[in-house]
Structure formats: structure tokens, C-alpha cells
Amino acid sequence: MANEVSIFIMDISNSSKENIGNELSEYLEQLKNYITEWTENTAVTKVSHRAGDELVVVSSGYASAYTLAFYLSRIWRFPDHKPYFGLSFGDIQEDISEINIETWIHPLMKQARNANNHLKKQTNRLLFHFELPPLSDGQSFTVFSQQFEALINTSLTLKQEQINEQTEIQSLVCSLYAILGQQNKVSEYLGRTTATISHHMKQGKTHLILNAFYNIVKVLDSLGVQDWQAQTDKLQENIRQNIRTHLNDYFPEERSLS
């Protein structure tokens, strides 16, 4: 029986500079624990922290790895050492719970690695890039995998342009709004007026960025034979609830931003 899964391989830009390697490695261990908490009782997930500056995730459902990657990118603490995610999704014969992620060899893992290497070579590096499996039969999404790959990556490239244009406070407001869901809650947390928050959201194109994310997730969910929307909705709510409960841990120094 085929199991529908998604994968990301995450690396960090400039991780060997400024003698910050140990700090980044400790942070990745923390992120590994976050992912375990976020996916508990939702998506079956294996996560590994490899080689100091790399995270690898295999998770049930076509949208789960991208969902996890997106939220990791929004809580990321090191603006001078940004993460980047090579992603893939498709079907495997193994049960995820039985995979040894440290030694597992599979074409999907290679595709995620290729996607990661594609980003590694970029001067102006994107956050996300997908490489999808080639045509395998006439039944699954792989009939149009290259078309889906082109469309998803084009959407991600356009979204990246909007993210890159955000100021630090606009990025923070966007991240907090993704977690808290209400402008007045963002306003309360940052100690700013709702009018100020609304201005930052408009100037930072918060709704466009988040809607692009939500739409990509919906498309990924729709490509599977199984109905994954309920799992993805629960996963997102778990992530938001966990971050809301420990908001100062995820955003420890940002209240002073002007």
C-alpha cells in the first residue's frame, strides 16, 4: 500500500561564518523538539538534525512538510542566517513510523536534496523550492508533476519577492498575525495601536503572503488520493496553539521593534 508523504531538507545560509555554529546547532535541536510537539497526534513525522546545520523531515500528507517549513521560516530567530528548504512529496511503500530517517534511501529524499542544492547555488536565495517525482503511472498527480512543480515554484518565487520587501517590523507583524489571527491581538502583544498594525500589514502585504501560503497548501492537499485537509487544518491549529502558549519563547526580543 502506498503512503502519501512529504519531505523537506533544510539548510542555513552563512552557517559557517561569525563563529555562530554552536548556537545554530543548539537552535536546530530546539526546532526539532518544536516539530515533535507540533505534529503530536496529527501528522506522523520523523525529524532528524544532521551535520550541525541541517534538518530533515518526513511527514504524512503532501502538504505537511511545506506547512512545517513555512511556520519555521516565520519564527526563525537569526535574520543573518536564514533557512532554506528543499521540498518534495509523493508516495512511498514504507510506513513512516518504521523509517530510520538516518539511513533511509528513497527517490523522494533525493528530489528534496536536489531541490535544496538548487537553492544552495542561488545568489539571492529563495526560502522554498520543490522538486517533484517524474511520471510514474496514469493515475496520480505525477501525470502533471512537472507542470505542478513549475506553477508552485513560480508562486513561491513571487511570494519571496513580497517577503524580501518587508521591513523587520512588517515581517514580525506578518508572523504574529499568522499565529494570532487577529489584528487586535497583534496590537496588544506589540503594544501598538490597531491602526499601526493595520498599516504594517498593508505595507508588508501580509494578506497576500499568507493567502499564497494557504492556497499552495490547499493545492497540495488536493493532489493526494486521501483527503488530507482535516489533518493539515489540525496541524496548523496545533502549531498556532503551541506558539501562542509560549509566545515569548518564540518571539523573545521583538517587542522593542520600531
Protein backbone atom coordinates (compact mmCIF):
# COMPACT_ATOMS: atom_id res chain seq x y z
CA MET A 1 0.00 0.00 0.00
CA ALA A 2 1.33 3.41 -0.97
CA ASN A 3 1.65 6.05 1.74
CA GLU A 4 1.43 9.71 0.78
CA VAL A 5 4.23 11.75 2.33
CA SER A 6 6.16 15.00 2.04
CA ILE A 7 9.77 15.80 2.79
CA PHE A 8 11.93 18.81 3.44
CA ILE A 9 15.67 19.16 3.81
CA MET A 10 16.56 22.45 5.49
CA ASP A 11 19.93 24.17 5.46
CA ILE A 12 21.09 27.50 6.88
CA SER A 13 22.72 30.32 4.94
CA ASN A 14 26.14 31.52 6.16
CA SER A 15 26.16 28.99 8.98
CA SER A 16 29.97 28.73 8.97
CA LYS A 17 30.52 32.46 9.49
CA GLU A 18 30.83 34.57 12.66
CA ASN A 19 31.55 31.60 14.95
CA ILE A 20 27.82 31.04 15.35
CA GLY A 21 27.82 27.33 14.52
CA ASN A 22 27.28 26.05 18.05
CA GLU A 23 24.44 28.49 18.66
CA LEU A 24 22.72 27.49 15.42
CA SER A 25 23.17 23.80 16.19
CA GLU A 26 21.55 24.24 19.60
CA TYR A 27 18.70 26.16 17.97
CA LEU A 28 18.12 23.36 15.47
CA GLU A 29 17.82 20.90 18.34
CA GLN A 30 15.18 23.21 19.77
CA LEU A 31 13.37 23.34 16.41
CA LYS A 32 13.48 19.54 16.24
CA ASN A 33 11.66 19.45 19.57
CA TYR A 34 9.17 22.04 18.32
CA ILE A 35 8.35 19.90 15.28
CA THR A 36 7.82 16.87 17.50
CA GLU A 37 5.39 18.87 19.66
CA TRP A 38 3.60 20.44 16.68
CA THR A 39 2.97 17.11 14.95
CA GLU A 40 2.00 15.11 18.02
CA ASN A 41 -1.33 13.32 17.42
CA THR A 42 -1.62 14.84 13.93
CA ALA A 43 0.87 14.13 11.15
CA VAL A 44 3.06 11.05 11.52
CA THR A 45 6.51 12.60 11.33
CA LYS A 46 10.17 11.71 11.51
CA VAL A 47 12.68 14.51 12.05
CA SER A 48 16.46 14.46 12.15
CA HIS A 49 19.06 17.11 12.97
CA ARG A 50 22.07 16.31 10.81
CA ALA A 51 25.57 17.64 10.26
CA GLY A 52 25.21 20.65 12.54
CA ASP A 53 23.11 22.90 10.29
CA GLU A 54 20.60 20.60 8.60
CA LEU A 55 17.09 19.43 9.49
CA VAL A 56 15.34 16.63 7.63
CA VAL A 57 11.61 15.93 7.95
CA VAL A 58 9.41 13.17 6.52
CA SER A 59 5.72 13.59 7.29
CA SER A 60 2.37 12.11 6.29
CA GLY A 61 0.40 14.02 3.67
CA TYR A 62 1.56 16.05 0.70
CA ALA A 63 1.19 19.44 2.45
CA SER A 64 2.64 18.74 5.90
CA ALA A 65 6.35 19.32 5.19
CA TYR A 66 5.66 22.65 3.46
CA THR A 67 3.32 23.67 6.30
CA LEU A 68 6.02 22.93 8.88
CA ALA A 69 8.66 24.70 6.77
CA PHE A 70 6.53 27.82 6.41
CA TYR A 71 5.95 28.21 10.15
CA LEU A 72 9.61 27.50 10.89
CA SER A 73 10.53 30.31 8.50
CA ARG A 74 8.19 32.72 10.33
CA ILE A 75 9.57 32.03 13.82
CA TRP A 76 13.23 31.92 12.72
CA ARG A 77 15.47 33.93 15.08
CA PHE A 78 18.60 34.56 13.00
CA PRO A 79 17.93 37.09 10.21
CA ASP A 80 21.56 36.99 9.02
CA HIS A 81 21.48 33.20 8.77
CA LYS A 82 18.20 32.38 7.05
CA PRO A 83 16.97 28.82 6.49
CA TYR A 84 16.13 27.39 3.09
CA PHE A 85 14.04 24.33 2.34
CA GLY A 86 14.28 21.80 -0.47
CA LEU A 87 10.94 20.02 -0.68
CA SER A 88 9.28 17.08 -2.37
CA PHE A 89 6.20 14.92 -1.96
CA GLY A 90 4.89 11.67 -3.33
CA ASP A 91 4.23 8.05 -2.41
CA ILE A 92 6.33 5.53 -0.52
CA GLN A 93 5.72 1.88 0.28
CA GLU A 94 7.14 2.07 3.81
CA ASP A 95 5.25 3.02 6.94
CA ILE A 96 6.64 6.35 8.12
CA SER A 97 6.68 5.21 11.73
CA GLU A 98 9.06 2.39 10.77
CA ILE A 99 11.51 4.51 8.76
CA ASN A 100 15.02 5.06 10.11
CA ILE A 101 15.42 8.57 8.78
CA GLU A 102 19.19 8.49 9.37
CA THR A 103 19.72 5.70 6.84
CA TRP A 104 16.57 5.81 4.68
CA ILE A 105 17.26 5.96 0.94
CA HIS A 106 14.39 6.86 -1.41
CA PRO A 107 13.94 8.85 -4.65
CA LEU A 108 11.81 11.42 -2.80
CA MET A 109 14.69 12.10 -0.45
CA LYS A 110 16.98 12.59 -3.43
CA GLN A 111 14.50 15.01 -5.00
CA ALA A 112 14.33 17.04 -1.78
CA ARG A 113 18.13 17.05 -1.74
CA ASN A 114 18.23 18.22 -5.36
CA ALA A 115 15.77 20.99 -4.52
CA ASN A 116 17.94 22.01 -1.57
CA ASN A 117 21.06 22.02 -3.76
CA HIS A 118 19.22 24.18 -6.31
CA LEU A 119 18.70 26.79 -3.58
CA LYS A 120 22.26 26.42 -2.30
CA LYS A 121 23.59 27.58 -5.69
CA GLN A 122 21.46 30.74 -5.78
CA THR A 123 22.96 34.15 -5.03
CA ASN A 124 19.61 35.62 -4.00
CA ARG A 125 18.36 32.52 -2.27
CA LEU A 126 14.67 31.65 -2.04
CA LEU A 127 13.21 30.13 1.10
CA PHE A 128 11.49 27.21 -0.63
CA HIS A 129 11.90 25.10 -3.75
CA PHE A 130 10.10 21.93 -4.83
CA GLU A 131 11.31 19.09 -6.99
CA LEU A 132 8.57 16.56 -7.77
CA PRO A 133 8.74 12.92 -8.86
CA PRO A 134 8.63 12.13 -12.58
CA LEU A 135 5.70 10.46 -14.31
CA SER A 136 5.15 7.02 -12.78
CA ASP A 137 1.67 5.98 -13.94
CA GLY A 138 -1.55 7.35 -15.32
CA GLN A 139 -3.39 7.52 -12.01
CA SER A 140 -1.66 10.04 -9.73
CA PHE A 141 -0.69 13.70 -9.83
CA THR A 142 2.65 12.68 -11.43
CA VAL A 143 0.92 12.85 -14.83
CA PHE A 144 1.31 16.62 -14.46
CA SER A 145 4.15 16.69 -11.92
CA GLN A 146 6.42 18.93 -13.99
CA GLN A 147 3.59 21.39 -14.58
CA PHE A 148 2.71 21.44 -10.86
CA GLU A 149 6.38 21.89 -10.00
CA ALA A 150 6.68 24.89 -12.32
CA LEU A 151 3.49 26.53 -11.06
CA ILE A 152 4.26 26.00 -7.36
CA ASN A 153 7.83 27.26 -7.69
CA THR A 154 6.68 30.28 -9.68
CA SER A 155 4.19 31.14 -6.94
CA LEU A 156 6.89 30.72 -4.30
CA THR A 157 9.25 32.98 -6.24
CA LEU A 158 6.64 35.74 -6.46
CA LYS A 159 5.83 35.35 -2.76
CA GLN A 160 9.52 35.59 -1.95
CA GLU A 161 9.69 38.98 -3.65
CA GLN A 162 6.95 40.22 -1.31
CA ILE A 163 8.68 38.73 1.74
CA ASN A 164 12.00 40.32 0.76
CA GLU A 165 10.35 43.74 0.54
CA GLN A 166 9.08 43.57 4.13
CA THR A 167 10.77 45.65 6.79
CA GLU A 168 11.67 43.95 10.06
CA ILE A 169 8.53 45.18 11.81
CA GLN A 170 6.34 44.25 8.82
CA SER A 171 7.79 40.74 8.87
CA LEU A 172 7.17 40.46 12.60
CA VAL A 173 3.58 41.66 12.26
CA CYS A 174 3.01 39.18 9.41
CA SER A 175 4.37 36.32 11.53
CA LEU A 176 2.35 37.27 14.58
CA TYR A 177 -0.82 37.67 12.53
CA ALA A 178 -0.30 34.18 11.06
CA ILE A 179 -0.16 32.84 14.63
CA LEU A 180 -2.67 35.05 16.47
CA GLY A 181 -5.16 35.55 13.64
CA GLN A 182 -6.44 38.94 14.82
CA GLN A 183 -5.04 42.44 14.42
CA ASN A 184 -6.09 43.48 17.92
CA LYS A 185 -4.13 40.58 19.44
CA VAL A 186 -1.04 41.55 17.46
CA SER A 187 -1.59 45.14 18.60
CA GLU A 188 -1.87 44.08 22.22
CA TYR A 189 1.24 41.91 22.11
CA LEU A 190 3.41 44.57 20.48
CA GLY A 191 1.94 47.48 22.43
CA ARG A 192 0.96 49.32 19.23
CA THR A 193 -2.34 50.76 18.06
CA THR A 194 -4.52 48.69 15.76
CA ALA A 195 -4.14 51.43 13.15
CA THR A 196 -0.35 50.99 13.26
CA ILE A 197 -0.67 47.22 12.93
CA SER A 198 -3.11 47.62 10.04
CA HIS A 199 -0.64 49.95 8.31
CA HIS A 200 2.22 47.49 8.70
CA MET A 201 0.05 44.65 7.42
CA LYS A 202 -0.99 46.64 4.36
CA GLN A 203 2.50 47.90 3.56
CA GLY A 204 4.01 44.46 4.19
CA LYS A 205 1.39 42.68 2.06
CA THR A 206 0.57 40.31 4.92
CA HIS A 207 -2.68 39.06 3.43
CA LEU A 208 -1.13 38.38 0.01
CA ILE A 209 1.74 36.42 1.56
CA LEU A 210 -0.47 34.36 3.85
CA ASN A 211 -3.12 33.72 1.20
CA ALA A 212 -0.42 32.43 -1.16
CA PHE A 213 0.71 30.03 1.56
CA TYR A 214 -2.84 28.84 2.29
CA ASN A 215 -3.59 28.34 -1.40
CA ILE A 216 -0.44 26.29 -2.00
CA VAL A 217 -1.35 24.11 1.00
CA LYS A 218 -4.85 23.58 -0.41
CA VAL A 219 -3.44 22.56 -3.78
CA LEU A 220 -1.01 20.10 -2.18
CA ASP A 221 -3.80 18.57 -0.09
CA SER A 222 -5.97 18.21 -3.19
CA LEU A 223 -3.36 16.20 -5.10
CA GLY A 224 -3.49 13.17 -2.83
CA VAL A 225 -5.81 10.21 -3.15
CA GLN A 226 -6.59 10.57 0.54
CA ASP A 227 -8.33 13.63 1.98
CA TRP A 228 -5.63 15.39 3.99
CA GLN A 229 -7.36 18.71 4.66
CA ALA A 230 -8.53 17.77 8.16
CA GLN A 231 -5.01 16.71 9.13
CA THR A 232 -3.49 19.90 7.72
CA ASP A 233 -6.06 22.08 9.48
CA LYS A 234 -5.35 20.32 12.78
CA LEU A 235 -1.61 20.57 12.22
CA GLN A 236 -1.83 24.32 11.66
CA GLU A 237 -4.00 24.78 14.72
CA ASN A 238 -1.57 22.73 16.81
CA ILE A 239 1.31 24.89 15.61
CA ARG A 240 -0.53 28.14 16.31
CA GLN A 241 -1.76 26.99 19.71
CA ASN A 242 1.70 25.84 20.77
CA ILE A 243 3.29 29.12 19.70
CA ARG A 244 0.51 31.20 21.29
CA THR A 245 1.02 29.36 24.58
CA HIS A 246 4.76 30.14 24.54
CA LEU A 247 4.76 33.35 22.54
CA ASN A 248 7.59 35.00 24.46
CA ASP A 249 9.79 31.96 23.84
CA TYR A 250 9.24 32.11 20.09
CA PHE A 251 9.49 35.91 19.85
CA PRO A 252 11.63 36.83 22.86
CA GLU A 253 13.05 40.25 21.95
CA GLU A 254 10.82 41.70 19.27
CA ARG A 255 8.55 43.99 21.29
CA SER A 256 11.06 46.86 21.07
CA LEU A 257 10.97 46.98 17.28
CA SER A 258 10.01 50.37 15.88
